[in-house]
Amino acid sequence: MARTFDCPKCGAPVAYVQHPVAGAAPNVRCDYCHSTIIPPDELHGQSARIVPIKIHLGFSSSGGTKWIWLLVAIPVFIGLIVVLAMAGILAPVFYSISRAAKETPRTANTKAEEPPNSFAAVLMKFGREGIGPGMFRDARSIALDGAGRIYVGEYTGGRVQVFDPSGKFINQWSAGDRKTIIRGFAADRKGIVYVAQGGKINRYQGETGQLAGEVEYEDRPSFDDVAVTADGGLVAASRQKRDDIVRFDSSGKVVKTIPEAISGISGDSELAMRVAVDGIGNIYALGRFNNAVFKFSPEGKFVNRFGGSGDAPGQLRAAYSIAVDGKGRVYVGDSHGIQVFDENGRYLAVFHSPGAAMGMVFNDQNELFVVGRESVIKFAIKGDQPAK
């Protein structure tokens, strides 16, 4: 059976076939950063890890002579260049190269022409690498409740830390089995935290971590992600047999299912979907394997798609996270930074966050919170600040 995990180097989704014998899965390669990876061993709680590359530079009896000649030739070659330079022979060459570099026009792709973070400004940053309070090892999930409390979840180990709106540490608790990764994360206005973990979505009291039950769904899918709607309902991404989107009302009742939400449109399989919802109920599904965003109406009708694989503005590469702000603009975190689209999918801008944007969420003031493995960054969207 095909499974997916996130590349420990670049965060991109990696698919592999699990072997029946624990630990027998072969090495796989990440399609984005091309690292060779040992897949996770879920039975023993082992996370995916990079296969180290060993380079041997030993001298063999047959190749020793070649190395000796190389060591002799290098200083001789450097000495020859010095002699020629002193004689003035190489001066015209160096002058031509220098002049050509000065006269080369700047291209339209030069980063200096678009100041970094011209769309957003950093308001706050907290956290650093570690396992102590307020420190993170591999944080990829973030959520906010109605009181402004910040919840940050580690990818492995089930650790969830709670902070006040200023980033001050309050408490920490564990979600589910420590051996099972946290795939999705959301919080409602009442302080209930929803965690997609081990194929289920569990509810926790955000401040204390007390288990408050499980989101019931008869088909028992393997949920990958979850988002809270403005009316207190949920939207969840399922990947048990197909890439479905399931919508729940505030009482936990299923009100809509979008079967094969991405693969049914693109024709390509999707094994790692992220979801977000805007203020009027439109659903946005980020297909990490498809590198595209798919928009659906509140009734589940397909509206449009945008993005696509590539490195041009508006195209996506190793997309990981998605969020929608109060004005309906869509934010996608990928290897280029955080790309911004309008509600119709038109590309607007890109700005950068320290580290990869593994998780994103907006507060009521339309301020963006981004978690990037070892830190949390709060951004103000320029032009959205209230008048003083």
Protein backbone atom coordinates (compact mmCIF):
# COMPACT_ATOMS: atom_id res chain seq x y z
CA MET A 1 0.00 0.00 0.00
CA ALA A 2 1.38 3.44 -0.98
CA ARG A 3 2.20 5.81 1.88
CA THR A 4 3.62 9.28 2.08
CA PHE A 5 5.92 11.14 4.43
CA ASP A 6 7.61 14.54 4.38
CA CYS A 7 11.23 14.77 3.28
CA PRO A 8 13.27 15.65 6.42
CA LYS A 9 15.48 17.94 4.30
CA CYS A 10 13.10 20.03 2.15
CA GLY A 11 9.63 19.09 3.49
CA ALA A 12 8.32 17.88 0.14
CA PRO A 13 5.93 14.88 0.03
CA VAL A 14 7.61 11.54 -0.72
CA ALA A 15 5.67 8.41 -1.65
CA TYR A 16 6.79 4.85 -0.95
CA VAL A 17 5.38 1.34 -0.68
CA GLN A 18 5.48 -0.04 2.84
CA HIS A 19 6.97 -3.52 3.11
CA PRO A 20 5.28 -6.14 5.27
CA VAL A 21 8.44 -6.58 7.39
CA ALA A 22 9.23 -3.62 9.63
CA GLY A 23 12.47 -1.91 8.65
CA ALA A 24 12.60 -3.66 5.27
CA ALA A 25 11.50 -0.67 3.18
CA PRO A 26 14.13 0.31 0.61
CA ASN A 27 15.67 3.73 0.36
CA VAL A 28 13.60 6.23 -1.66
CA ARG A 29 14.53 9.48 -3.38
CA CYS A 30 12.89 12.88 -2.90
CA ASP A 31 11.69 14.28 -6.24
CA TYR A 32 12.38 17.85 -5.17
CA CYS A 33 15.80 17.94 -3.43
CA HIS A 34 16.93 14.51 -4.76
CA SER A 35 18.04 13.32 -1.31
CA THR A 36 18.17 9.57 -0.65
CA ILE A 37 15.93 8.85 2.35
CA ILE A 38 15.21 5.94 4.66
CA PRO A 39 11.36 5.82 5.03
CA PRO A 40 9.85 6.07 8.53
CA ASP A 41 9.36 2.91 10.56
CA GLU A 42 5.95 3.50 12.15
CA LEU A 43 6.09 0.31 14.24
CA HIS A 44 9.23 1.44 16.05
CA GLY A 45 8.60 5.16 15.98
CA GLN A 46 11.53 5.90 13.68
CA SER A 47 11.14 9.06 11.58
CA ALA A 48 12.41 9.40 8.02
CA ARG A 49 16.09 10.26 7.75
CA ILE A 50 18.62 11.22 5.11
CA VAL A 51 21.09 8.57 3.95
CA PRO A 52 24.58 10.04 4.48
CA ILE A 53 26.91 10.11 1.49
CA LYS A 54 30.39 8.81 2.25
CA ILE A 55 33.26 9.98 0.08
CA HIS A 56 36.47 7.98 0.24
CA LEU A 57 39.69 9.78 -0.63
CA GLY A 58 42.11 7.04 0.27
CA PHE A 59 45.30 6.40 -1.72
CA SER A 60 45.52 3.01 -3.38
CA SER A 61 48.72 1.40 -4.56
CA SER A 62 47.56 1.65 -8.17
CA GLY A 63 46.46 5.31 -7.98
CA GLY A 64 49.21 6.68 -5.73
CA THR A 65 51.33 7.89 -8.63
CA LYS A 66 48.44 9.94 -10.05
CA TRP A 67 47.97 11.74 -6.73
CA ILE A 68 51.69 12.55 -6.48
CA TRP A 69 51.68 14.05 -9.98
CA LEU A 70 48.57 16.09 -9.11
CA LEU A 71 50.18 17.51 -5.95
CA VAL A 72 53.26 18.49 -7.94
CA ALA A 73 51.32 20.01 -10.85
CA ILE A 74 49.13 22.37 -8.79
CA PRO A 75 51.96 24.62 -7.43
CA VAL A 76 53.67 24.58 -10.84
CA PHE A 77 50.47 25.80 -12.53
CA ILE A 78 49.96 28.56 -9.92
CA GLY A 79 53.57 29.68 -10.36
CA LEU A 80 53.13 29.89 -14.14
CA ILE A 81 50.07 32.16 -13.74
CA VAL A 82 52.02 34.46 -11.40
CA VAL A 83 54.91 34.75 -13.85
CA LEU A 84 52.61 35.56 -16.78
CA ALA A 85 50.73 38.15 -14.73
CA MET A 86 54.00 39.86 -13.74
CA ALA A 87 55.04 39.93 -17.39
CA GLY A 88 51.80 41.75 -18.29
CA ILE A 89 50.54 39.04 -20.61
CA LEU A 90 47.31 38.36 -18.65
CA ALA A 91 46.47 42.00 -17.88
CA PRO A 92 44.39 42.58 -21.06
CA VAL A 93 42.41 39.42 -20.36
CA PHE A 94 41.56 40.46 -16.79
CA TYR A 95 40.65 43.97 -17.98
CA SER A 96 38.26 42.62 -20.63
CA ILE A 97 36.52 40.35 -18.15
CA SER A 98 36.15 43.17 -15.62
CA ARG A 99 34.77 45.59 -18.24
CA ALA A 100 32.28 43.04 -19.58
CA ALA A 101 30.96 42.40 -16.07
CA LYS A 102 30.42 46.13 -15.47
CA GLU A 103 28.62 46.62 -18.77
CA THR A 104 26.30 43.59 -18.44
CA PRO A 105 22.74 44.92 -18.05
CA ARG A 106 20.62 43.76 -15.12
CA THR A 107 17.90 41.31 -16.08
CA ALA A 108 14.25 41.51 -15.14
CA ASN A 109 14.70 38.54 -12.78
CA THR A 110 17.15 40.34 -10.51
CA LYS A 111 15.92 40.13 -6.93
CA ALA A 112 17.05 43.70 -6.21
CA GLU A 113 14.24 45.02 -8.40
CA GLU A 114 11.64 43.58 -6.00
CA PRO A 115 12.55 44.42 -2.39
CA PRO A 116 12.16 41.38 -0.12
CA ASN A 117 9.03 41.34 2.03
CA SER A 118 7.55 44.35 0.26
CA PHE A 119 4.13 42.74 0.87
CA ALA A 120 4.55 41.95 4.57
CA ALA A 121 6.50 43.15 7.60
CA VAL A 122 7.71 41.09 10.56
CA LEU A 123 5.98 42.08 13.81
CA MET A 124 7.18 39.35 16.15
CA LYS A 125 9.38 36.27 16.21
CA PHE A 126 9.91 33.73 18.96
CA GLY A 127 11.39 30.27 19.43
CA ARG A 128 14.68 28.59 18.70
CA GLU A 129 16.00 25.06 18.28
CA GLY A 130 15.70 22.86 21.31
CA ILE A 131 13.37 20.82 23.52
CA GLY A 132 12.81 23.28 26.37
CA PRO A 133 9.72 25.46 26.89
CA GLY A 134 9.35 27.86 23.97
CA MET A 135 11.84 25.90 21.88
CA PHE A 136 11.12 23.74 18.84
CA ARG A 137 12.74 20.81 17.13
CA ASP A 138 10.53 20.29 14.06
CA ALA A 139 7.38 22.40 14.41
CA ARG A 140 5.13 22.27 11.35
CA SER A 141 1.64 23.04 12.71
CA ILE A 142 0.16 26.25 14.11
CA ALA A 143 -3.32 27.34 15.19
CA LEU A 144 -5.01 30.27 16.97
CA ASP A 145 -8.14 30.38 19.12
CA GLY A 146 -10.60 33.23 19.73
CA ALA A 147 -8.56 34.57 22.67
CA GLY A 148 -5.43 34.83 20.54
CA ARG A 149 -3.64 31.90 22.17
CA ILE A 150 -1.08 30.31 19.86
CA TYR A 151 -0.79 26.52 19.57
CA VAL A 152 2.32 24.99 17.96
CA GLY A 153 2.60 21.27 17.18
CA GLU A 154 5.77 19.27 16.55
CA TYR A 155 5.74 16.97 13.52
CA THR A 156 6.91 13.96 15.56
CA GLY A 157 6.51 13.17 19.24
CA GLY A 158 3.01 14.69 19.64
CA ARG A 159 4.29 17.75 21.56
CA VAL A 160 1.94 20.77 21.53
CA GLN A 161 3.02 24.06 23.14
CA VAL A 162 0.66 26.87 24.13
CA PHE A 163 1.63 30.57 24.04
CA ASP A 164 -0.19 33.80 24.82
CA PRO A 165 -0.72 36.38 22.02
CA SER A 166 2.69 37.95 22.77
CA GLY A 167 4.53 34.65 22.33
CA LYS A 168 5.01 33.95 26.04
CA PHE A 169 5.05 30.24 26.91
CA ILE A 170 2.00 29.07 28.91
CA ASN A 171 1.86 25.29 28.85
CA GLN A 172 2.57 22.15 26.85
CA TRP A 173 0.83 18.80 26.38
CA SER A 174 1.02 15.66 24.24
CA ALA A 175 -1.39 14.75 21.47
CA GLY A 176 -2.10 11.05 20.98
CA ASP A 177 0.61 8.48 20.46
CA ARG A 178 4.12 9.94 20.65
CA LYS A 179 5.14 7.65 17.79
CA THR A 180 2.52 9.06 15.39
CA ILE A 181 3.18 12.24 13.45
CA ILE A 182 0.88 15.28 13.52
CA ARG A 183 -0.37 15.84 9.96
CA GLY A 184 -3.05 18.51 10.45
CA PHE A 185 -3.87 21.08 13.08
CA ALA A 186 -6.57 23.68 13.74
CA ALA A 187 -8.31 25.49 16.62
CA ASP A 188 -11.77 26.99 16.98
CA ARG A 189 -12.75 30.19 18.75
CA LYS A 190 -13.67 28.33 21.95
CA GLY A 191 -10.16 26.95 22.39
CA ILE A 192 -10.75 23.42 21.10
CA VAL A 193 -7.73 22.11 19.17
CA TYR A 194 -8.29 19.58 16.39
CA VAL A 195 -5.37 17.27 15.60
CA ALA A 196 -5.20 15.03 12.53
CA GLN A 197 -2.99 12.22 13.72
CA GLY A 198 -2.90 8.48 13.11
CA GLY A 199 -5.70 8.77 10.55
CA LYS A 200 -8.13 10.30 13.08
CA ILE A 201 -9.10 13.82 14.10
CA ASN A 202 -9.11 14.18 17.89
CA ARG A 203 -10.41 17.13 19.90
CA TYR A 204 -8.42 18.55 22.82
CA GLN A 205 -9.00 21.31 25.36
CA GLY A 206 -6.38 23.75 24.09
CA GLU A 207 -5.14 25.13 27.43
CA THR A 208 -4.85 21.79 29.25
CA GLY A 209 -4.53 19.20 26.50
CA GLN A 210 -7.38 17.12 27.95
CA LEU A 211 -8.85 14.81 25.30
CA ALA A 212 -12.39 15.94 24.45
CA GLY A 213 -13.34 13.22 21.96
CA GLU A 214 -12.94 12.22 18.34
CA VAL A 215 -14.52 13.61 15.20
CA GLU A 216 -16.69 10.71 14.06
CA TYR A 217 -16.81 9.61 10.44
CA GLU A 218 -18.21 6.22 9.46
CA ASP A 219 -15.98 5.63 6.44
CA ARG A 220 -12.89 5.78 8.69
CA PRO A 221 -10.61 7.60 6.27
CA SER A 222 -7.03 8.56 6.98
CA PHE A 223 -7.29 12.31 7.57
CA ASP A 224 -4.34 14.42 6.44
CA ASP A 225 -5.43 17.93 7.37
CA VAL A 226 -8.21 19.89 9.06
CA ALA A 227 -9.43 23.51 9.00
CA VAL A 228 -12.08 25.33 11.04
CA THR A 229 -14.84 27.25 9.27
CA ALA A 230 -16.17 30.64 10.38
CA ASP A 231 -19.42 29.04 11.62
CA GLY A 232 -17.59 26.54 13.84
CA GLY A 233 -17.64 23.61 11.43
CA LEU A 234 -14.73 21.66 10.00
CA VAL A 235 -13.25 20.87 6.60
CA ALA A 236 -10.99 17.82 6.46
CA ALA A 237 -8.75 16.24 3.83
CA SER A 238 -9.06 12.46 3.49
CA ARG A 239 -6.71 10.06 1.70
CA GLN A 240 -7.78 6.54 2.69
CA LYS A 241 -8.97 5.33 -0.73
CA ARG A 242 -9.06 8.61 -2.64
CA ASP A 243 -8.46 12.30 -2.10
CA ASP A 244 -11.83 13.36 -0.65
CA ILE A 245 -12.76 16.58 1.13
CA VAL A 246 -15.26 16.14 3.98
CA ARG A 247 -17.21 19.04 5.48
CA PHE A 248 -18.74 18.88 9.00
CA ASP A 249 -21.15 21.34 10.60
CA SER A 250 -20.66 22.77 14.08
CA SER A 251 -22.34 19.72 15.65
CA GLY A 252 -19.96 17.30 13.93
CA LYS A 253 -22.44 16.08 11.32
CA VAL A 254 -21.19 15.45 7.77
CA VAL A 255 -22.90 17.90 5.43
CA LYS A 256 -20.82 17.52 2.26
CA THR A 257 -18.25 15.22 0.71
CA ILE A 258 -16.25 16.15 -2.39
CA PRO A 259 -14.99 12.83 -3.81
CA GLU A 260 -11.63 12.81 -5.58
CA ALA A 261 -11.43 16.55 -5.08
CA ILE A 262 -8.05 16.95 -6.79
CA SER A 263 -7.41 13.76 -8.76
CA GLY A 264 -10.89 13.92 -10.30
CA ILE A 265 -9.99 17.29 -11.84
CA SER A 266 -6.30 16.98 -12.58
CA GLY A 267 -6.26 13.32 -13.57
CA ASP A 268 -3.18 12.83 -11.37
CA SER A 269 -3.19 11.10 -7.99
CA GLU A 270 -2.90 13.21 -4.87
CA LEU A 271 -1.55 11.72 -1.64
CA ALA A 272 -0.83 14.83 0.43
CA MET A 273 -3.57 17.46 0.47
CA ARG A 274 -3.80 20.62 2.60
CA VAL A 275 -7.05 22.57 3.08
CA ALA A 276 -8.07 26.12 4.00
CA VAL A 277 -11.42 27.94 4.16
CA ASP A 278 -12.24 31.62 3.64
CA GLY A 279 -14.76 33.69 5.60
CA ILE A 280 -17.72 32.86 3.36
CA GLY A 281 -17.07 29.12 3.18
CA ASN A 282 -15.09 28.68 -0.05
CA ILE A 283 -12.71 25.73 0.24
CA TYR A 284 -9.14 25.79 -1.06
CA ALA A 285 -7.29 22.48 -1.46
CA LEU A 286 -3.52 22.50 -1.97
CA GLY A 287 -2.35 19.43 -3.85
CA ARG A 288 1.28 18.96 -2.84
CA PHE A 289 1.87 16.28 -5.48
CA ASN A 290 0.04 18.36 -8.11
CA ASN A 291 1.66 21.67 -7.03
CA ALA A 292 -1.63 23.47 -7.57
CA VAL A 293 -4.51 25.01 -5.63
CA PHE A 294 -8.10 23.90 -6.30
CA LYS A 295 -10.98 26.17 -5.26
CA PHE A 296 -14.48 24.93 -4.41
CA SER A 297 -17.66 26.82 -3.53
CA PRO A 298 -19.28 26.37 -0.08
CA GLU A 299 -21.58 23.81 -1.74
CA GLY A 300 -18.58 21.82 -2.97
CA LYS A 301 -18.72 22.85 -6.63
CA PHE A 302 -15.35 23.17 -8.38
CA VAL A 303 -14.58 26.80 -9.24
CA ASN A 304 -11.03 26.94 -10.61
CA ARG A 305 -7.43 25.88 -10.16
CA PHE A 306 -4.19 27.86 -10.15
CA GLY A 307 -0.49 27.42 -9.58
CA GLY A 308 1.13 24.50 -11.38
CA SER A 309 4.68 23.13 -11.19
CA GLY A 310 7.47 25.53 -12.10
CA ASP A 311 9.70 28.36 -10.96
CA ALA A 312 7.97 31.34 -12.62
CA PRO A 313 5.97 33.76 -10.42
CA GLY A 314 2.70 32.08 -9.50
CA GLN A 315 4.01 28.56 -10.12
CA LEU A 316 4.72 26.23 -7.20
CA ARG A 317 7.67 24.10 -6.20
CA ALA A 318 7.53 21.81 -3.12
CA ALA A 319 4.36 23.50 -1.85
CA TYR A 320 3.61 22.70 1.78
CA SER A 321 1.13 25.09 3.43
CA ILE A 322 -1.91 27.23 2.58
CA ALA A 323 -3.95 29.94 4.32
CA VAL A 324 -6.58 32.53 3.35
CA ASP A 325 -6.72 36.04 4.81
CA GLY A 326 -9.70 38.22 5.66
CA LYS A 327 -9.75 39.74 2.17
CA GLY A 328 -9.90 36.37 0.42
CA ARG A 329 -6.28 36.37 -0.69
CA VAL A 330 -4.64 32.96 -0.80
CA TYR A 331 -1.16 32.37 0.63
CA VAL A 332 0.89 29.32 -0.36
CA GLY A 333 4.20 28.40 1.27
CA ASP A 334 6.66 26.68 -1.07
CA SER A 335 10.38 26.69 -1.93
CA HIS A 336 10.07 30.22 -3.42
CA GLY A 337 8.75 31.71 -0.17
CA ILE A 338 5.15 32.66 0.56
CA GLN A 339 3.30 33.37 -2.68
CA VAL A 340 0.12 35.45 -2.63
CA PHE A 341 -2.86 35.11 -5.01
CA ASP A 342 -6.18 36.91 -5.17
CA GLU A 343 -9.43 34.99 -4.68
CA ASN A 344 -9.54 34.16 -8.39
CA GLY A 345 -6.02 32.74 -8.44
CA ARG A 346 -4.22 35.73 -9.96
CA TYR A 347 -0.64 36.00 -8.72
CA LEU A 348 0.01 39.12 -6.61
CA ALA A 349 3.36 38.90 -4.83
CA VAL A 350 5.89 36.77 -2.96
CA PHE A 351 7.62 37.43 0.34
CA HIS A 352 10.02 35.46 2.46
CA SER A 353 10.00 34.00 5.93
CA PRO A 354 13.04 32.69 7.84
CA GLY A 355 12.98 28.98 7.07
CA ALA A 356 10.27 27.18 5.16
CA ALA A 357 6.62 28.12 5.87
CA MET A 358 5.47 24.73 7.14
CA GLY A 359 2.22 26.04 8.66
CA MET A 360 0.26 29.31 8.39
CA VAL A 361 -2.80 30.87 10.02
CA PHE A 362 -4.42 34.34 10.26
CA ASN A 363 -5.85 36.08 13.32
CA ASP A 364 -8.82 38.47 13.49
CA GLN A 365 -6.54 41.43 12.75
CA ASN A 366 -5.49 39.85 9.46
CA GLU A 367 -1.99 39.22 10.79
CA LEU A 368 -0.23 36.12 9.52
CA PHE A 369 1.44 33.61 11.83
CA VAL A 370 3.99 31.28 10.22
CA VAL A 371 5.74 28.32 11.81
CA GLY A 372 9.02 27.20 10.27
CA ARG A 373 10.37 24.20 12.17
CA GLU A 374 12.31 26.16 14.82
CA SER A 375 10.48 29.47 15.16
CA VAL A 376 7.16 31.31 14.86
CA ILE A 377 6.98 34.57 12.90
CA LYS A 378 4.11 37.05 12.96
CA PHE A 379 3.65 39.27 9.87
CA ALA A 380 1.59 42.38 9.26
CA ILE A 381 0.26 42.54 5.71
CA LYS A 382 1.22 45.99 4.47
CA GLY A 383 -1.71 48.22 3.70
CA ASP A 384 -3.95 46.27 6.09
CA GLN A 385 -2.91 48.00 9.33
CA PRO A 386 -5.75 50.03 10.91
CA ALA A 387 -5.45 53.82 10.83
CA LYS A 388 -4.09 55.40 14.01
